Protein backbone atom coordinates (compact mmCIF):
# COMPACT_ATOMS: atom_id res chain seq x y z
CA MET A 1 12.31 6.86 91.45
CA LYS A 2 12.98 2.82 91.12
CA SER A 3 9.89 1.46 92.42
CA HIS A 4 8.25 -2.29 92.21
CA LYS A 5 4.58 -3.93 93.16
CA ILE A 6 3.42 -7.25 92.98
CA PHE A 7 -0.16 -7.95 92.71
CA LYS A 8 -1.92 -11.83 92.29
CA ILE A 9 -3.78 -13.49 89.85
CA ASN A 10 -6.06 -16.16 90.39
CA SER A 11 -5.94 -19.56 89.58
CA LYS A 12 -7.83 -19.38 86.34
CA TYR A 13 -5.33 -16.61 84.65
CA CYS A 14 -2.76 -19.62 85.89
CA ILE A 15 -4.49 -22.33 83.85
CA LEU A 16 -4.11 -20.19 80.67
CA ILE A 17 -0.62 -19.24 80.64
CA LEU A 18 -0.18 -22.74 81.35
CA LEU A 19 -2.06 -23.36 78.04
CA VAL A 20 -0.47 -20.14 75.90
CA SER A 21 2.66 -20.27 77.90
CA PHE A 22 3.84 -23.76 79.49
CA LEU A 23 4.34 -21.66 82.95
CA SER A 24 3.92 -22.84 86.29
CA CYS A 25 1.85 -20.73 88.90
CA GLU A 26 4.27 -21.66 91.52
CA ASP A 27 7.37 -20.10 89.17
CA TYR A 28 5.76 -16.65 89.13
CA LEU A 29 3.99 -16.48 92.30
CA GLU A 30 6.93 -17.64 94.10
CA VAL A 31 7.31 -13.90 95.52
CA GLU A 32 5.47 -12.33 98.69
CA THR A 33 2.55 -10.79 97.59
CA TYR A 34 1.10 -7.37 99.07
CA GLY A 35 -2.30 -8.25 100.10
CA PHE A 36 -4.44 -10.64 98.52
CA PRO A 37 -6.61 -9.54 95.52
CA VAL A 38 -8.00 -11.85 92.69
CA VAL A 39 -9.51 -11.47 89.72
CA GLU A 40 -12.98 -11.49 90.74
CA GLY A 41 -12.50 -9.21 93.84
CA PHE A 42 -9.69 -7.04 91.66
CA TYR A 43 -10.30 -4.30 89.08
CA LYS A 44 -12.37 -2.13 90.84
CA THR A 45 -10.13 1.25 92.68
CA ALA A 46 -7.66 3.23 90.57
CA GLU A 47 -4.74 1.64 92.69
CA ASP A 48 -6.37 -1.61 91.11
CA GLY A 49 -5.35 -0.27 87.99
CA GLU A 50 -1.63 1.21 88.97
CA GLN A 51 -1.05 -2.35 90.58
CA ALA A 52 -2.62 -4.49 87.10
CA LEU A 53 -0.32 -2.12 85.14
CA THR A 54 2.72 -2.43 87.23
CA ALA A 55 2.36 -6.32 87.01
CA ALA A 56 2.15 -5.98 83.32
CA TYR A 57 5.84 -4.31 83.37
CA ALA A 58 7.31 -7.22 85.59
CA PRO A 59 7.76 -9.69 82.73
CA MET A 60 10.04 -7.32 81.17
CA ARG A 61 11.97 -6.56 84.36
CA GLU A 62 12.17 -10.59 85.18
CA ALA A 63 14.24 -11.24 81.17
CA TYR A 64 17.11 -9.08 83.02
CA THR A 65 16.90 -10.63 86.15
CA LYS A 66 16.38 -14.15 86.45
CA TYR A 67 19.26 -16.34 86.10
CA ILE A 68 17.65 -18.40 83.29
CA GLU A 69 15.55 -15.58 81.69
CA ILE A 70 18.50 -13.10 81.09
CA TRP A 71 20.49 -16.12 78.64
CA SER A 72 17.21 -15.68 76.62
CA THR A 73 17.48 -12.21 75.66
CA ASP A 74 19.35 -10.64 72.82
CA MET A 75 21.79 -9.50 74.79
CA PHE A 76 22.99 -13.01 75.21
CA ILE A 77 21.41 -15.39 73.08
CA GLY A 78 20.53 -12.83 70.64
CA ASP A 79 23.94 -11.52 69.90
CA THR A 80 26.15 -14.84 70.90
CA GLY A 81 27.37 -16.29 67.28
CA THR A 82 27.63 -12.95 65.72
CA ASP A 83 30.94 -10.95 64.66
CA ASP A 84 31.09 -8.61 67.84
CA ILE A 85 29.79 -10.92 70.49
CA LEU A 86 31.43 -14.39 71.68
CA LYS A 87 30.28 -16.91 74.33
CA GLY A 88 32.52 -16.37 77.02
CA GLY A 89 31.97 -18.39 79.90
CA LEU A 90 33.72 -20.62 81.92
CA GLY A 91 34.79 -22.72 78.79
CA LEU A 92 33.83 -23.52 75.43
CA PHE A 93 30.87 -26.09 76.46
CA ASP A 94 29.90 -23.72 79.41
CA GLN A 95 26.06 -23.30 78.85
CA GLU A 96 25.17 -25.91 76.28
CA PRO A 97 22.35 -23.89 75.01
CA LEU A 98 24.49 -20.65 74.44
CA VAL A 99 26.98 -23.40 72.88
CA GLN A 100 23.62 -23.89 70.23
CA LYS A 101 23.37 -20.49 68.94
CA GLU A 102 27.07 -19.93 68.90
CA SER A 103 27.93 -22.72 66.67
CA TYR A 104 24.41 -23.04 64.83
CA ASN A 105 23.74 -26.23 65.56
CA LEU A 106 19.93 -25.52 66.92
CA THR A 107 17.39 -27.95 68.45
CA SER A 108 13.86 -26.82 69.67
CA SER A 109 14.66 -28.44 73.17
CA ASN A 110 16.96 -25.78 73.74
CA LYS A 111 14.91 -24.43 77.11
CA TYR A 112 16.17 -20.69 76.05
CA TRP A 113 13.64 -20.49 73.63
CA ASP A 114 11.35 -21.47 76.40
CA LYS A 115 12.30 -18.55 78.33
CA ARG A 116 11.63 -16.37 75.24
CA TRP A 117 8.26 -17.48 75.02
CA LEU A 118 6.66 -18.34 78.37
CA LEU A 119 8.16 -15.10 79.68
CA ASN A 120 6.63 -12.71 76.81
CA TYR A 121 3.39 -14.36 76.67
CA LYS A 122 3.20 -13.55 80.28
CA GLY A 123 3.52 -10.21 79.81
CA ILE A 124 1.11 -10.42 76.84
CA LEU A 125 -1.54 -11.95 79.29
CA TYR A 126 -1.26 -9.24 81.82
CA ALA A 127 -1.34 -6.40 79.09
CA ASN A 128 -4.51 -8.07 77.91
CA LEU A 129 -6.09 -7.92 81.19
CA VAL A 130 -5.49 -4.55 81.57
CA LEU A 131 -6.97 -3.47 78.52
CA GLU A 132 -9.82 -5.62 79.10
CA LYS A 133 -10.43 -4.51 83.04
CA ILE A 134 -9.60 -1.23 83.31
CA PRO A 135 -11.84 0.55 81.01
CA SER A 136 -14.72 -0.46 83.63
CA ILE A 137 -12.52 1.51 86.65
CA THR A 138 -13.63 5.05 87.53
CA PHE A 139 -10.88 7.20 87.69
CA GLU A 140 -10.61 10.64 89.11
CA ASN A 141 -7.98 11.10 86.86
CA GLU A 142 -9.49 10.45 83.61
CA ASP A 143 -6.08 11.55 81.71
CA ARG A 144 -4.47 8.69 84.01
CA LYS A 145 -6.79 5.88 83.41
CA LYS A 146 -5.95 7.18 79.65
CA GLU A 147 -2.34 6.70 80.24
CA ILE A 148 -2.30 3.56 81.69
CA LEU A 149 -4.22 1.87 78.63
CA GLY A 150 -1.82 3.22 76.36
CA GLU A 151 1.23 1.94 78.39
CA ALA A 152 -0.69 -1.41 78.28
CA HIS A 153 -0.32 -0.98 74.62
CA PHE A 154 2.95 -0.18 74.34
CA LEU A 155 4.11 -3.14 76.56
CA ARG A 156 1.65 -5.32 74.77
CA GLY A 157 3.61 -4.29 71.37
CA TYR A 158 7.17 -4.39 73.39
CA TYR A 159 6.36 -8.60 74.38
CA TYR A 160 5.17 -9.43 70.85
CA LEU A 161 8.43 -7.22 69.37
CA TYR A 162 10.76 -9.93 71.17
CA LEU A 163 8.72 -12.80 70.41
CA VAL A 164 8.60 -11.80 66.25
CA ASN A 165 12.29 -11.63 66.16
CA MET A 166 13.23 -14.36 67.64
CA PHE A 167 10.24 -17.09 66.64
CA GLY A 168 9.16 -14.80 63.35
CA GLY A 169 4.89 -15.11 63.12
CA VAL A 170 3.37 -16.34 66.58
CA PRO A 171 -0.35 -16.66 68.10
CA LEU A 172 -2.08 -13.56 68.65
CA TYR A 173 -4.69 -12.49 71.44
CA ASP A 174 -5.85 -9.57 71.68
CA LYS A 175 -7.44 -10.44 75.08
CA PRO A 176 -7.51 -12.58 77.75
CA VAL A 177 -9.37 -15.68 76.51
CA ASN A 178 -10.35 -19.42 78.06
CA PRO A 179 -8.07 -22.14 78.44
CA SER A 180 -9.96 -23.46 75.83
CA ASP A 181 -9.86 -21.17 73.33
CA ALA A 182 -5.85 -20.49 74.12
CA ASN A 183 -4.78 -23.29 71.46
CA ILE A 184 -4.26 -21.36 68.05
CA PRO A 185 -2.74 -21.31 65.00
CA ARG A 186 0.86 -18.64 64.44
CA ALA A 187 0.05 -15.72 62.85
CA THR A 188 2.50 -14.37 59.82
CA LYS A 189 5.37 -12.68 60.07
CA GLU A 190 3.64 -9.78 58.78
CA GLU A 191 0.46 -9.82 60.56
CA THR A 192 2.76 -9.82 63.71
CA TYR A 193 3.88 -6.84 62.89
CA ALA A 194 1.08 -4.98 62.14
CA PHE A 195 -0.64 -5.91 65.34
CA ILE A 196 2.61 -4.47 66.87
CA GLU A 197 1.98 -1.22 64.88
CA ASN A 198 -1.26 -0.60 65.89
CA ASP A 199 -0.29 -1.05 69.87
CA LEU A 200 2.59 1.23 69.20
CA LYS A 201 0.07 4.09 67.65
CA GLU A 202 -2.49 3.56 70.21
CA ALA A 203 0.46 4.23 72.32
CA ILE A 204 1.57 7.13 70.64
CA ASN A 205 -1.94 8.93 70.06
CA ILE A 206 -2.21 8.64 74.25
CA LEU A 207 0.89 9.04 75.83
CA PRO A 208 2.21 12.38 77.01
CA SER A 209 5.74 12.81 76.52
CA ARG A 210 8.13 12.37 80.12
CA PHE A 211 8.86 16.35 79.35
CA GLU A 212 5.20 17.24 79.42
CA LYS A 213 4.45 15.08 82.81
CA ASN A 214 6.66 14.32 85.25
CA SER A 215 5.92 10.66 85.79
CA ILE A 216 7.40 7.66 87.80
CA LEU A 217 10.52 6.95 85.25
CA GLY A 218 10.88 3.41 83.93
CA HIS A 219 7.23 3.80 82.27
CA ALA A 220 6.40 3.89 79.08
CA ASP A 221 5.42 7.39 77.33
CA LYS A 222 5.39 9.04 74.03
CA GLY A 223 9.25 8.96 73.07
CA ALA A 224 9.39 5.22 74.58
CA ALA A 225 6.45 4.38 71.71
CA LEU A 226 7.88 6.83 69.16
CA GLY A 227 11.49 4.89 69.32
CA LEU A 228 9.86 1.40 69.26
CA MET A 229 8.34 2.29 66.60
CA MET A 230 10.72 2.96 64.50
CA ARG A 231 13.27 -0.32 65.30
CA VAL A 232 9.63 -2.03 63.97
CA MET A 233 9.49 -0.19 60.81
CA LEU A 234 13.44 -0.29 60.83
CA TYR A 235 13.16 -4.23 61.05
CA GLN A 236 10.29 -4.48 58.46
CA ASN A 237 12.97 -2.17 55.95
CA LYS A 238 9.50 0.08 55.98
CA MET A 239 12.10 2.97 55.63
CA GLU A 240 9.51 5.82 54.81
CA GLU A 241 8.03 4.79 57.82
CA VAL A 242 10.74 4.79 59.78
CA LYS A 243 11.75 8.65 59.13
CA THR A 244 7.94 9.81 59.95
CA TYR A 245 8.37 8.46 63.35
CA GLY A 246 11.38 9.60 63.52
CA GLU A 247 10.84 13.21 62.94
CA GLU A 248 8.15 13.26 65.54
CA LEU A 249 10.81 11.78 68.14
CA PHE A 250 13.08 14.27 67.53
CA LYS A 251 10.51 17.40 68.22
CA LEU A 252 11.12 16.33 71.81
CA PRO A 253 13.81 17.69 73.56
CA TYR A 254 16.33 14.93 73.46
CA THR A 255 19.97 15.86 73.44
CA LEU A 256 23.05 13.06 73.48
CA PRO A 257 24.68 13.77 76.73
CA LYS A 258 28.49 13.02 77.27
CA LEU A 259 29.77 10.10 76.28
CA GLU A 260 31.77 9.31 79.41
CA ASN A 261 28.38 9.47 81.12
CA VAL A 262 25.72 7.28 79.07
CA PHE A 263 26.21 3.90 80.86
CA GLN A 264 27.07 5.39 84.46
CA PRO A 265 24.14 6.21 86.83
CA GLU A 266 24.39 9.84 86.31
CA GLY A 267 22.97 8.91 82.68
CA GLU A 268 20.14 6.77 83.84
CA TRP A 269 17.27 8.44 82.23
CA GLY A 270 19.43 11.13 80.85
CA THR A 271 18.61 13.59 77.86
CA GLY A 272 19.74 10.90 75.35
CA SER A 273 17.88 8.00 77.16
CA ILE A 274 14.15 7.18 75.35
CA PHE A 275 13.53 3.97 77.39
CA GLU A 276 15.36 2.17 79.88
CA ILE A 277 14.07 -0.97 82.19
CA ASN A 278 14.41 0.19 86.20
CA TYR A 279 16.29 -1.86 88.37
CA SER A 280 16.60 -1.43 92.29
CA THR A 281 19.09 -2.72 94.87
CA ASN A 282 17.30 -1.94 98.02
CA THR A 283 15.30 -5.02 97.81
CA SER A 284 16.46 -8.69 96.83
CA LYS A 285 15.38 -9.82 93.45
CA LEU A 286 15.03 -6.49 91.99
CA GLY A 287 18.14 -5.82 90.66
CA THR A 288 19.32 -7.37 87.03
CA SER A 289 22.07 -9.85 87.16
CA ALA A 290 23.30 -8.59 83.38
CA PRO A 291 26.25 -7.44 84.94
CA ARG A 292 27.29 -10.81 87.15
CA MET A 293 26.98 -12.64 83.86
CA MET A 294 29.20 -10.53 81.85
CA MET A 295 31.85 -9.14 83.72
CA PRO A 296 35.02 -11.41 84.17
CA ARG A 297 36.04 -14.41 86.29
CA THR A 298 38.82 -12.45 87.95
CA SER A 299 39.15 -13.97 91.51
CA LYS A 300 37.87 -11.58 94.41
CA ILE A 301 37.63 -8.37 92.04
CA ASP A 302 35.06 -9.03 89.28
CA ASN A 303 32.97 -12.17 90.46
CA GLY A 304 31.49 -12.60 87.09
CA PHE A 305 30.60 -15.52 84.85
CA GLY A 306 32.80 -13.92 81.80
CA PHE A 307 29.87 -14.34 79.03
CA SER A 308 29.01 -12.57 75.74
CA GLN A 309 33.06 -10.96 75.58
CA ILE A 310 33.81 -8.94 72.65
CA LYS A 311 35.49 -10.36 69.66
CA MET A 312 38.33 -8.51 68.33
CA ASP A 313 36.97 -8.00 64.86
CA VAL A 314 35.09 -5.15 66.43
CA ILE A 315 37.49 -4.11 68.34
CA ASP A 316 39.47 -3.56 65.25
CA ALA A 317 36.70 -2.10 63.52
CA TYR A 318 37.37 1.22 65.48
CA GLU A 319 39.47 3.96 64.91
CA ALA A 320 42.56 3.73 66.97
CA ASN A 321 41.67 7.22 68.55
CA ASP A 322 37.84 6.42 69.21
CA PRO A 323 37.20 7.81 72.62
CA ARG A 324 34.33 5.32 72.57
CA LEU A 325 36.91 2.51 72.58
CA ASN A 326 38.12 3.05 76.43
CA ALA A 327 33.85 4.01 77.40
CA TYR A 328 32.38 0.96 75.96
CA PHE A 329 34.96 -1.91 76.81
CA TYR A 330 37.73 -2.73 78.84
CA THR A 331 40.24 -5.77 79.78
CA ALA A 332 39.80 -7.44 83.43
CA ILE A 333 42.35 -6.25 85.91
CA LYS A 334 44.17 -9.26 87.55
CA GLY A 335 43.04 -10.59 90.98
CA PRO A 336 45.29 -10.92 94.35
CA ASP A 337 46.37 -14.25 93.10
CA ASP A 338 47.43 -12.99 89.51
CA ASN A 339 44.88 -15.21 87.74
CA LEU A 340 43.54 -13.87 84.79
CA TYR A 341 40.56 -15.86 83.06
CA GLU A 342 39.78 -13.03 80.60
CA THR A 343 40.15 -14.00 76.95
CA GLY A 344 39.65 -10.30 75.66
CA PHE A 345 37.31 -7.60 75.72
CA TYR A 346 34.58 -7.07 78.24
CA ASN A 347 31.31 -4.84 77.74
CA ARG A 348 31.71 -1.46 80.12
CA LYS A 349 28.11 -0.59 79.10
CA TYR A 350 26.86 -3.42 82.28
CA VAL A 351 29.81 -3.35 84.90
CA TRP A 352 29.99 -2.33 88.35
CA TYR A 353 33.07 -0.88 90.10
CA PRO A 354 36.22 -0.19 89.45
CA TYR A 355 34.98 -0.43 85.77
CA SER A 356 32.12 2.10 86.55
CA ASN A 357 30.41 4.11 88.78
CA TYR A 358 27.92 1.76 90.02
CA ASN A 359 29.00 -0.70 92.67
CA LYS A 360 29.01 -4.13 93.46
CA PRO A 361 25.41 -5.09 95.12
CA THR A 362 25.00 -5.40 98.69
CA VAL A 363 21.56 -6.67 99.05
CA GLY A 364 20.16 -9.98 97.31
CA GLY A 365 23.91 -11.27 96.34
CA LEU A 366 25.36 -9.80 93.05
CA MET A 367 22.83 -10.85 90.76
CA ASN A 368 20.51 -8.08 92.21
CA SER A 369 22.95 -4.90 90.32
CA ASP A 370 20.67 -1.73 89.82
CA ILE A 371 22.02 -0.73 86.58
CA ASN A 372 18.78 0.04 84.14
CA ILE A 373 18.89 -2.03 81.03
CA ARG A 374 19.11 0.90 78.01
CA ILE A 375 16.20 0.11 75.62
CA VAL A 376 16.34 2.71 73.16
CA ARG A 377 18.39 5.84 73.39
CA LEU A 378 19.13 8.70 71.16
CA ALA A 379 22.08 7.87 69.59
CA ASP A 380 19.89 4.66 68.02
CA ALA A 381 17.23 7.03 66.70
CA TYR A 382 19.94 8.90 65.10
CA LEU A 383 21.48 6.34 63.16
CA MET A 384 17.78 4.79 62.54
CA TYR A 385 16.69 7.94 60.82
CA ALA A 386 20.15 7.88 58.89
CA GLU A 387 19.36 4.73 57.64
CA SER A 388 15.86 5.55 56.47
CA ILE A 389 17.06 8.79 54.23
CA TYR A 390 20.49 7.98 52.83
CA LEU A 391 18.96 7.86 49.39
CA THR A 392 16.34 10.53 49.55
CA ASN A 393 18.44 12.79 51.57
CA PRO A 394 22.23 11.98 51.84
CA ALA A 395 22.83 15.37 53.47
CA SER A 396 20.88 15.19 56.07
CA ALA A 397 21.58 11.56 56.92
CA ILE A 398 25.38 12.61 56.88
CA GLU A 399 24.22 15.53 59.71
CA TYR A 400 22.68 12.68 62.09
CA VAL A 401 25.72 10.20 61.68
CA ASN A 402 28.05 13.15 62.47
CA LYS A 403 25.80 13.97 65.43
CA VAL A 404 26.90 10.72 66.98
CA ARG A 405 30.35 10.99 65.79
CA GLN A 406 30.92 14.18 67.20
CA ARG A 407 29.49 13.01 70.55
CA ALA A 408 32.08 10.10 70.77
CA ARG A 409 34.67 12.81 69.81
CA GLY A 410 33.99 15.42 72.84
CA MET A 411 36.31 17.87 72.64
CA GLU A 412 38.95 16.14 71.07
CA ALA A 413 40.42 17.50 67.70
CA ASP A 414 38.25 16.73 64.90
CA THR A 415 40.83 14.73 63.52
CA VAL A 416 39.48 12.33 66.24
CA VAL A 417 36.64 10.28 64.86
CA PRO A 418 36.35 13.07 61.51
CA ASP A 419 33.03 13.69 60.23
CA LEU A 420 32.02 11.86 57.60
CA SER A 421 32.32 13.42 54.62
CA LEU A 422 29.42 15.75 52.77
CA SER A 423 30.39 13.67 49.50
CA LEU A 424 29.49 10.37 50.82
CA SER A 425 25.97 8.96 48.98
CA GLY A 426 24.66 5.90 47.51
CA ASP A 427 26.21 2.43 49.04
CA ALA A 428 29.63 4.11 50.45
CA LEU A 429 27.22 5.99 53.00
CA ARG A 430 24.82 3.15 53.82
CA ASP A 431 27.70 1.32 54.61
CA ALA A 432 29.39 3.96 56.87
CA ILE A 433 25.98 4.03 58.43
CA TYR A 434 26.11 0.36 58.98
CA LEU A 435 29.73 0.25 60.48
CA GLU A 436 28.66 3.62 62.69
CA ARG A 437 25.17 1.63 64.52
CA ARG A 438 28.13 -1.48 64.76
CA LEU A 439 30.47 0.96 66.53
CA GLU A 440 27.72 2.57 68.71
CA MET A 441 25.01 0.25 69.55
CA ILE A 442 27.80 -2.75 70.30
CA GLY A 443 26.52 -4.97 73.05
CA GLU A 444 22.91 -4.01 73.55
CA GLY A 445 21.30 -7.19 71.73
CA LEU A 446 21.09 -5.09 68.05
CA ARG A 447 23.47 -6.78 66.06
CA TYR A 448 21.82 -9.96 64.89
CA GLN A 449 18.85 -8.37 63.64
CA ASP A 450 20.58 -5.64 62.03
CA LEU A 451 22.31 -7.94 60.02
CA ILE A 452 19.95 -10.45 59.15
CA ARG A 453 17.26 -7.09 58.52
CA THR A 454 20.03 -5.83 55.71
CA GLY A 455 20.70 -9.16 54.14
CA ARG A 456 24.52 -9.18 55.36
CA ALA A 457 23.38 -12.23 58.03
CA ALA A 458 24.72 -14.74 55.14
CA GLU A 459 27.96 -12.91 54.06
CA VAL A 460 28.80 -12.03 57.79
CA LEU A 461 27.22 -15.56 59.98
CA GLY A 462 28.28 -18.09 57.02
CA PRO A 463 31.70 -18.79 57.94
CA LEU A 464 30.03 -19.23 61.74
CA GLY A 465 27.46 -21.72 60.80
CA PHE A 466 24.50 -19.31 60.02
CA LYS A 467 22.49 -20.68 57.09
CA SER A 468 20.34 -18.59 54.93
CA GLY A 469 16.69 -19.87 55.16
CA VAL A 470 17.00 -21.24 58.53
CA HIS A 471 18.79 -19.14 61.15
CA GLU A 472 16.86 -15.65 60.55
CA VAL A 473 14.47 -17.37 63.29
CA MET A 474 14.82 -19.57 66.06
CA PRO A 475 12.99 -22.99 66.08
CA LEU A 476 9.60 -22.78 68.19
CA PRO A 477 10.21 -24.66 71.66
CA LYS A 478 9.34 -28.26 71.53
CA THR A 479 7.11 -28.28 74.55
CA GLN A 480 5.40 -25.25 72.77
CA VAL A 481 4.78 -27.48 69.95
CA ASP A 482 3.73 -30.58 72.07
CA ILE A 483 1.55 -28.94 73.94
CA SER A 484 -0.44 -27.46 71.05
CA ASN A 485 -0.92 -30.68 69.65
CA GLY A 486 0.22 -30.11 66.47
CA VAL A 487 -1.43 -26.59 66.00
CA LEU A 488 1.72 -24.21 66.06
CA GLU A 489 3.57 -25.50 62.84
CA GLN A 490 7.27 -25.55 63.30
CA ASN A 491 9.89 -23.17 61.76
CA SER A 492 11.08 -24.71 58.78
CA GLY A 493 14.94 -26.05 58.65
CA TYR A 494 13.99 -27.76 62.62
């Protein structure tokens, strides 16, 4: 079930978001509201609590919905300029903010930094409102009340993770604050990660898994919190913690699905899906624009904009008979007028017919696809776990990499994507894990951070313009630095 509710926050908090995030009220209240609750008359009933939680999920969904916001995601601006992803588009200078990232000529006035900042701080505010207001509400089902608080902790951790990945340390808010108290300095990167860890620990301790409780798919559960915590620890190179949370995650009955189903409608919330963002096309503005952005510009068939194309460098990294080459990539079909605007390979993970079983949206335009965005997958968790133990338990690390390779192989002969040799160890095993992660997670917005956290960014991306000591993070939005009157310090090198 894919469902969304919207509720309204009064002007006091709109002013707060303006100060924290430079966001106008008009922008995020443009959608017609259901009823008319405001803060003073809200947070009274269990239904209010559910609506407040739904609002806290909304910025997560908006990130892949709106025309500008989606460019600021890791799937687009994050991986643009890596050895995997070409900017694409109509020409070399289409979407100047993306051109900046691809060439590493980055400025603080890039509007996509603003969108990243604004959207995630909006989510943080909404999560903080839930955490502050819900405890005073009486619920007939106290377990559900606890779950709402656990989900809010997950969401706040999620939003801060997407901020720290892009900007480094950021201002930390553990509750809604008055506008006069909103202008605070940045925390350190380490403090920001510690804040995220505490939120996810709360979520892990509170939330049941979806296997225990048949809750609405799209809500965070214990598995989602564990999977995201593994990523948080991986990005800090806390490998013992990656191992610990991985082993807890693997107690849940996830299994790897067939390769051909993972990014199809039948694969949504499948056995290998740990967390997804739900989208729907039954109402305008509830779908994602991801397929429209990255599908080819071939006339009358694909109707895409042709961004985030796949580079030949990564295509060449696959073994010639790897079934993922067909499952994860495609080349465009010529249009009726024989015009073909593609320049290579495209990402099959987020496409509609004829390249997948998803249909083109028929409501709300072509920016309204019902394809769910996969945030954490079991294959991702297996490879994170393998990386965490390759020095201490190489045999087990090889076993988990081979689970991913065997799923890729399917029913083909053992010579197709063959198992890693049990003799691998040390740097050779580490490099095999790095390669498998690249091949499996391509086009999902993880490559840039993987190169940075493993210390390979300068070597791999240096020829593209990456400068060590600068481009590990992006510049803070100039609007935010200006509105803070100098309280926010710009990242070094910008």
